[in-house]
């Protein structure tokens, strides 16, 4: 998964230029730039798009009649250090799934290099297909395509406007699958933290995760915030600086009667509604 490519494309360097586009309907192989870049496509009349959003983005709560599903997921991101080495991080988020008829999709005629750009109506999206290679470089666009994280809300609305309805998707044989991390403890804890952390007041109970303790106890008393990532808590007259990652926010919110959302509250399956 990725958020944005570092390199700039021709269109970004020269925004006054309109890069040509190529219809993809009925195509299984497109010579985008002869001798330099090719795209092959799965022989299906639609593409099922996955739009990842972090939980703090407005798109995470997006709802539309043409939305096929919304699942919570632990999203993994790859980062590069200055020396070229890489590391991964995880963030809680949601996946929105929508299907679009290929007759409405055009391929931007430029070297995508694993991140081909597509246009749907007035919206342009960058995809992450992975696994490209060969000579000339060839990317494969399958029936299931992941879009960059946190696309603009206007882009999401435009694509939803043109997307297939759940009934059309069901008749086309489209299915949706929950990611393995859907509804995980990490996601539940992240949602509880978002909904309850800023509502704490002095004297509230703080519950630590099982692997942490202070003064031989996992139950502490909240005193005050130090910054956005740490708080001061007390136990038996002793103060402790506590990092947010050490707090069991599900237990903490319940102990203080603070209502919070669960992963199930964000889940939505438009296909199941049609079946019903």
Protein backbone atom coordinates (compact mmCIF):
# COMPACT_ATOMS: atom_id res chain seq x y z
CA UNK A 1 0.00 0.00 0.00
CA UNK A 2 1.19 3.54 -0.60
CA UNK A 3 0.09 7.11 -0.12
CA UNK A 4 1.82 8.98 -2.93
CA UNK A 5 4.67 8.42 -5.38
CA UNK A 6 7.78 10.51 -4.96
CA UNK A 7 8.52 11.07 -8.62
CA UNK A 8 6.57 13.60 -10.67
CA UNK A 9 4.84 12.66 -13.89
CA UNK A 10 4.73 14.74 -17.04
CA UNK A 11 1.24 15.96 -16.16
CA UNK A 12 2.40 17.06 -12.70
CA UNK A 13 5.43 18.87 -14.06
CA UNK A 14 3.37 20.51 -16.80
CA UNK A 15 -0.22 20.79 -15.53
CA UNK A 16 -1.24 22.73 -18.63
CA UNK A 17 -0.81 19.54 -20.67
CA UNK A 18 -3.65 17.04 -20.90
CA UNK A 19 -2.07 13.58 -21.14
CA UNK A 20 -3.92 11.43 -23.71
CA UNK A 21 -5.95 8.51 -22.45
CA UNK A 22 -6.77 5.07 -23.82
CA UNK A 23 -10.08 3.18 -23.47
CA UNK A 24 -9.55 -0.19 -21.79
CA UNK A 25 -12.88 -1.90 -22.51
CA UNK A 26 -12.35 -5.12 -24.47
CA UNK A 27 -8.56 -4.82 -24.20
CA UNK A 28 -6.22 -7.40 -22.66
CA UNK A 29 -2.95 -5.76 -23.75
CA UNK A 30 -2.19 -2.09 -24.38
CA UNK A 31 1.08 -0.72 -25.77
CA UNK A 32 1.00 2.50 -23.76
CA UNK A 33 4.44 3.68 -24.88
CA UNK A 34 5.68 1.35 -27.65
CA UNK A 35 8.91 -0.32 -26.68
CA UNK A 36 8.87 1.25 -23.20
CA UNK A 37 5.69 0.50 -21.30
CA UNK A 38 2.84 -1.97 -21.65
CA UNK A 39 -0.26 -2.76 -19.60
CA UNK A 40 -2.07 -6.08 -19.66
CA UNK A 41 -5.57 -6.52 -18.26
CA UNK A 42 -7.70 -9.35 -17.00
CA UNK A 43 -10.45 -10.27 -19.44
CA UNK A 44 -13.45 -9.09 -17.41
CA UNK A 45 -15.91 -6.26 -18.20
CA UNK A 46 -15.45 -4.55 -14.80
CA UNK A 47 -12.88 -3.61 -12.17
CA UNK A 48 -13.50 -3.91 -8.44
CA UNK A 49 -11.70 -0.99 -6.80
CA UNK A 50 -10.45 -0.96 -3.23
CA UNK A 51 -10.19 2.53 -1.70
CA UNK A 52 -8.22 2.49 1.59
CA UNK A 53 -8.81 5.29 4.10
CA UNK A 54 -7.27 5.94 7.48
CA UNK A 55 -9.82 6.19 10.28
CA UNK A 56 -9.21 9.91 10.76
CA UNK A 57 -10.15 10.73 7.14
CA UNK A 58 -13.65 11.85 6.13
CA UNK A 59 -13.75 9.09 3.52
CA UNK A 60 -13.76 6.44 6.25
CA UNK A 61 -17.44 7.11 6.89
CA UNK A 62 -18.43 7.48 3.24
CA UNK A 63 -21.79 6.01 2.29
CA UNK A 64 -23.42 5.82 -1.14
CA UNK A 65 -26.07 3.70 -2.83
CA UNK A 66 -23.38 2.23 -5.14
CA UNK A 67 -20.96 1.31 -2.36
CA UNK A 68 -20.58 -2.47 -2.35
CA UNK A 69 -18.87 -2.85 1.01
CA UNK A 70 -16.88 -1.17 3.75
CA UNK A 71 -14.57 -3.21 5.97
CA UNK A 72 -12.19 -2.19 8.73
CA UNK A 73 -8.59 -3.23 8.16
CA UNK A 74 -5.10 -2.89 9.59
CA UNK A 75 -3.29 -1.08 6.79
CA UNK A 76 0.43 -1.61 6.32
CA UNK A 77 2.71 1.05 4.85
CA UNK A 78 6.24 0.72 3.51
CA UNK A 79 8.75 3.47 4.29
CA UNK A 80 12.31 4.10 3.14
CA UNK A 81 15.17 5.40 5.28
CA UNK A 82 17.87 7.76 3.97
CA UNK A 83 20.27 4.81 3.55
CA UNK A 84 17.80 2.98 1.32
CA UNK A 85 16.63 0.41 3.87
CA UNK A 86 12.92 0.02 4.42
CA UNK A 87 10.57 -0.54 7.31
CA UNK A 88 6.84 -1.06 7.76
CA UNK A 89 4.23 0.61 9.91
CA UNK A 90 0.58 -0.20 10.58
CA UNK A 91 -2.42 2.09 10.89
CA UNK A 92 -6.10 1.37 11.45
CA UNK A 93 -8.36 2.11 8.52
CA UNK A 94 -11.23 1.06 6.32
CA UNK A 95 -11.52 -0.30 2.79
CA UNK A 96 -14.31 0.92 0.53
CA UNK A 97 -15.20 -1.38 -2.37
CA UNK A 98 -16.84 -0.20 -5.59
CA UNK A 99 -17.06 -1.78 -9.03
CA UNK A 100 -16.93 0.16 -12.31
CA UNK A 101 -17.82 -0.97 -15.82
CA UNK A 102 -14.68 -0.87 -17.99
CA UNK A 103 -16.55 1.09 -20.64
CA UNK A 104 -16.26 4.06 -18.26
CA UNK A 105 -12.55 3.63 -17.53
CA UNK A 106 -9.61 5.08 -19.48
CA UNK A 107 -5.90 4.50 -19.01
CA UNK A 108 -3.69 7.59 -18.82
CA UNK A 109 -1.11 7.32 -21.59
CA UNK A 110 2.11 7.63 -19.61
CA UNK A 111 4.68 5.37 -17.99
CA UNK A 112 2.90 4.27 -14.81
CA UNK A 113 5.73 2.07 -13.55
CA UNK A 114 3.65 -0.13 -11.19
CA UNK A 115 1.34 2.81 -10.44
CA UNK A 116 -0.80 3.23 -13.59
CA UNK A 117 -3.29 6.08 -13.55
CA UNK A 118 -6.92 5.64 -14.56
CA UNK A 119 -9.65 8.14 -15.36
CA UNK A 120 -13.30 7.57 -14.51
CA UNK A 121 -15.59 10.43 -15.43
CA UNK A 122 -13.94 13.60 -14.16
CA UNK A 123 -11.85 11.72 -11.60
CA UNK A 124 -8.28 10.49 -11.92
CA UNK A 125 -6.87 7.85 -9.58
CA UNK A 126 -3.45 6.30 -9.10
CA UNK A 127 -3.48 2.54 -8.66
CA UNK A 128 -0.95 0.18 -7.11
CA UNK A 129 -0.82 -3.03 -9.10
CA UNK A 130 2.58 -4.47 -8.06
CA UNK A 131 4.43 -7.33 -9.69
CA UNK A 132 5.38 -5.50 -12.87
CA UNK A 133 8.50 -6.22 -14.86
CA UNK A 134 9.89 -7.43 -18.15
CA UNK A 135 11.08 -5.63 -21.23
CA UNK A 136 9.31 -3.45 -22.02
CA UNK A 137 8.08 -2.91 -18.47
CA UNK A 138 4.63 -4.47 -18.17
CA UNK A 139 2.02 -3.87 -15.46
CA UNK A 140 -0.95 -6.16 -14.96
CA UNK A 141 -4.32 -4.65 -14.05
CA UNK A 142 -6.46 -7.42 -12.62
CA UNK A 143 -10.16 -7.41 -11.80
CA UNK A 144 -9.32 -6.26 -8.25
CA UNK A 145 -7.31 -3.03 -8.04
CA UNK A 146 -6.10 -1.03 -5.02
CA UNK A 147 -6.17 2.78 -5.21
CA UNK A 148 -3.87 5.14 -3.31
CA UNK A 149 -4.76 5.85 0.32
CA UNK A 150 -7.08 8.75 1.21
CA UNK A 151 -8.15 9.93 -2.24
CA UNK A 152 -9.92 13.28 -2.38
CA UNK A 153 -13.55 13.18 -1.29
CA UNK A 154 -14.65 14.73 -4.61
CA UNK A 155 -12.86 11.92 -6.46
CA UNK A 156 -14.64 9.32 -4.35
CA UNK A 157 -18.02 10.93 -5.00
CA UNK A 158 -17.46 11.06 -8.77
CA UNK A 159 -16.50 7.40 -8.96
CA UNK A 160 -19.40 6.38 -6.73
CA UNK A 161 -21.74 8.26 -9.08
CA UNK A 162 -20.59 6.13 -12.01
CA UNK A 163 -20.06 2.84 -10.16
CA UNK A 164 -22.19 -0.25 -10.61
CA UNK A 165 -25.13 -0.67 -8.25
CA UNK A 166 -25.00 -3.61 -5.81
CA UNK A 167 -27.70 -5.32 -7.89
CA UNK A 168 -25.66 -4.92 -11.09
CA UNK A 169 -22.53 -6.14 -9.32
CA UNK A 170 -24.31 -9.19 -7.96
CA UNK A 171 -25.66 -10.11 -11.41
CA UNK A 172 -22.11 -9.70 -12.82
CA UNK A 173 -20.85 -12.28 -10.34
CA UNK A 174 -18.88 -9.83 -8.21
CA UNK A 175 -18.14 -10.91 -4.65
CA UNK A 176 -16.46 -9.09 -1.76
CA UNK A 177 -14.28 -10.60 0.95
CA UNK A 178 -13.46 -9.25 4.36
CA UNK A 179 -9.73 -8.66 4.95
CA UNK A 180 -8.16 -11.00 7.55
CA UNK A 181 -7.71 -8.11 10.00
CA UNK A 182 -11.35 -6.98 9.85
CA UNK A 183 -12.66 -6.57 13.39
CA UNK A 184 -9.28 -7.26 15.03
CA UNK A 185 -8.37 -6.21 18.56
CA UNK A 186 -5.93 -3.64 17.12
CA UNK A 187 -8.78 -1.99 15.21
CA UNK A 188 -11.15 -2.13 18.18
CA UNK A 189 -8.53 -0.55 20.42
CA UNK A 190 -7.77 2.14 17.82
CA UNK A 191 -11.43 3.11 17.48
CA UNK A 192 -11.86 3.21 21.26
CA UNK A 193 -8.79 5.45 21.53
CA UNK A 194 -10.11 7.86 18.90
CA UNK A 195 -13.50 8.13 20.60
CA UNK A 196 -12.45 8.27 24.25
CA UNK A 197 -8.91 9.64 24.72
CA UNK A 198 -9.82 13.33 24.52
CA UNK A 199 -12.80 12.85 26.83
CA UNK A 200 -10.76 11.73 29.81
CA UNK A 201 -10.89 13.88 32.95
CA UNK A 202 -8.84 13.76 36.11
CA UNK A 203 -9.78 10.76 38.23
CA UNK A 204 -10.84 8.54 35.32
CA UNK A 205 -9.58 4.96 35.29
CA UNK A 206 -6.83 3.91 32.89
CA UNK A 207 -6.38 0.23 32.07
CA UNK A 208 -3.05 -0.95 30.67
CA UNK A 209 -2.57 -3.83 28.23
CA UNK A 210 -1.85 -7.19 29.83
CA UNK A 211 1.91 -6.96 29.23
CA UNK A 212 2.26 -3.66 31.13
CA UNK A 213 1.86 -2.72 34.77
CA UNK A 214 2.79 -0.02 37.29
CA UNK A 215 3.04 -0.60 41.02
CA UNK A 216 2.03 -4.21 40.26
CA UNK A 217 -1.28 -3.02 38.83
CA UNK A 218 -2.83 -2.50 35.40
CA UNK A 219 -5.47 -0.11 36.74
CA UNK A 220 -4.25 3.48 37.15
CA UNK A 221 -5.84 6.87 37.69
CA UNK A 222 -5.65 9.55 35.02
CA UNK A 223 -4.12 12.88 36.11
CA UNK A 224 -3.45 14.94 32.99
CA UNK A 225 -2.14 14.97 29.45
CA UNK A 226 1.52 15.77 28.85
CA UNK A 227 1.26 15.91 25.07
CA UNK A 228 -0.68 14.13 22.38
CA UNK A 229 1.10 10.82 22.96
CA UNK A 230 1.64 10.59 26.72
CA UNK A 231 -0.29 11.15 29.93
CA UNK A 232 0.49 11.28 33.63
CA UNK A 233 -1.27 8.67 35.74
CA UNK A 234 -1.03 7.79 39.42
CA UNK A 235 -1.20 4.67 41.57
CA UNK A 236 -0.79 4.57 45.35
CA UNK A 237 0.65 8.08 45.41
CA UNK A 238 3.23 7.36 42.69
CA UNK A 239 3.08 9.07 39.30
CA UNK A 240 3.86 7.42 35.96
CA UNK A 241 4.21 8.68 32.42
CA UNK A 242 2.10 6.45 30.22
CA UNK A 243 2.31 6.18 26.44
CA UNK A 244 -1.00 5.84 24.60
CA UNK A 245 0.13 2.60 22.95
CA UNK A 246 0.25 0.93 26.40
CA UNK A 247 -3.39 1.67 27.19
CA UNK A 248 -6.17 -0.84 26.66
CA UNK A 249 -8.66 1.68 25.33
CA UNK A 250 -11.55 -0.78 25.07
CA UNK A 251 -11.37 -1.52 28.80
CA UNK A 252 -10.59 2.11 29.66
CA UNK A 253 -13.63 3.49 27.82
CA UNK A 254 -15.89 0.84 29.37
CA UNK A 255 -14.56 1.57 32.87
CA UNK A 256 -15.40 5.26 32.44
CA UNK A 257 -18.74 4.73 30.66
CA UNK A 258 -17.52 6.48 27.51
CA UNK A 259 -19.41 5.23 24.42
CA UNK A 260 -17.14 4.21 21.56
CA UNK A 261 -17.52 2.66 18.14
CA UNK A 262 -16.55 -0.91 17.34
CA UNK A 263 -15.31 -2.25 13.98
CA UNK A 264 -18.78 -3.71 13.45
CA UNK A 265 -20.25 -0.19 13.61
CA UNK A 266 -18.26 0.81 10.51
CA UNK A 267 -18.97 -2.36 8.55
CA UNK A 268 -21.32 -2.23 5.58
CA UNK A 269 -22.15 -4.83 2.92
CA UNK A 270 -24.35 -3.58 0.09
CA UNK A 271 -24.32 -6.97 -1.65
CA UNK A 272 -25.78 -8.70 1.38
CA UNK A 273 -28.56 -6.10 1.49
CA UNK A 274 -29.46 -6.91 -2.12
CA UNK A 275 -29.47 -10.66 -1.38
CA UNK A 276 -31.79 -10.07 1.54
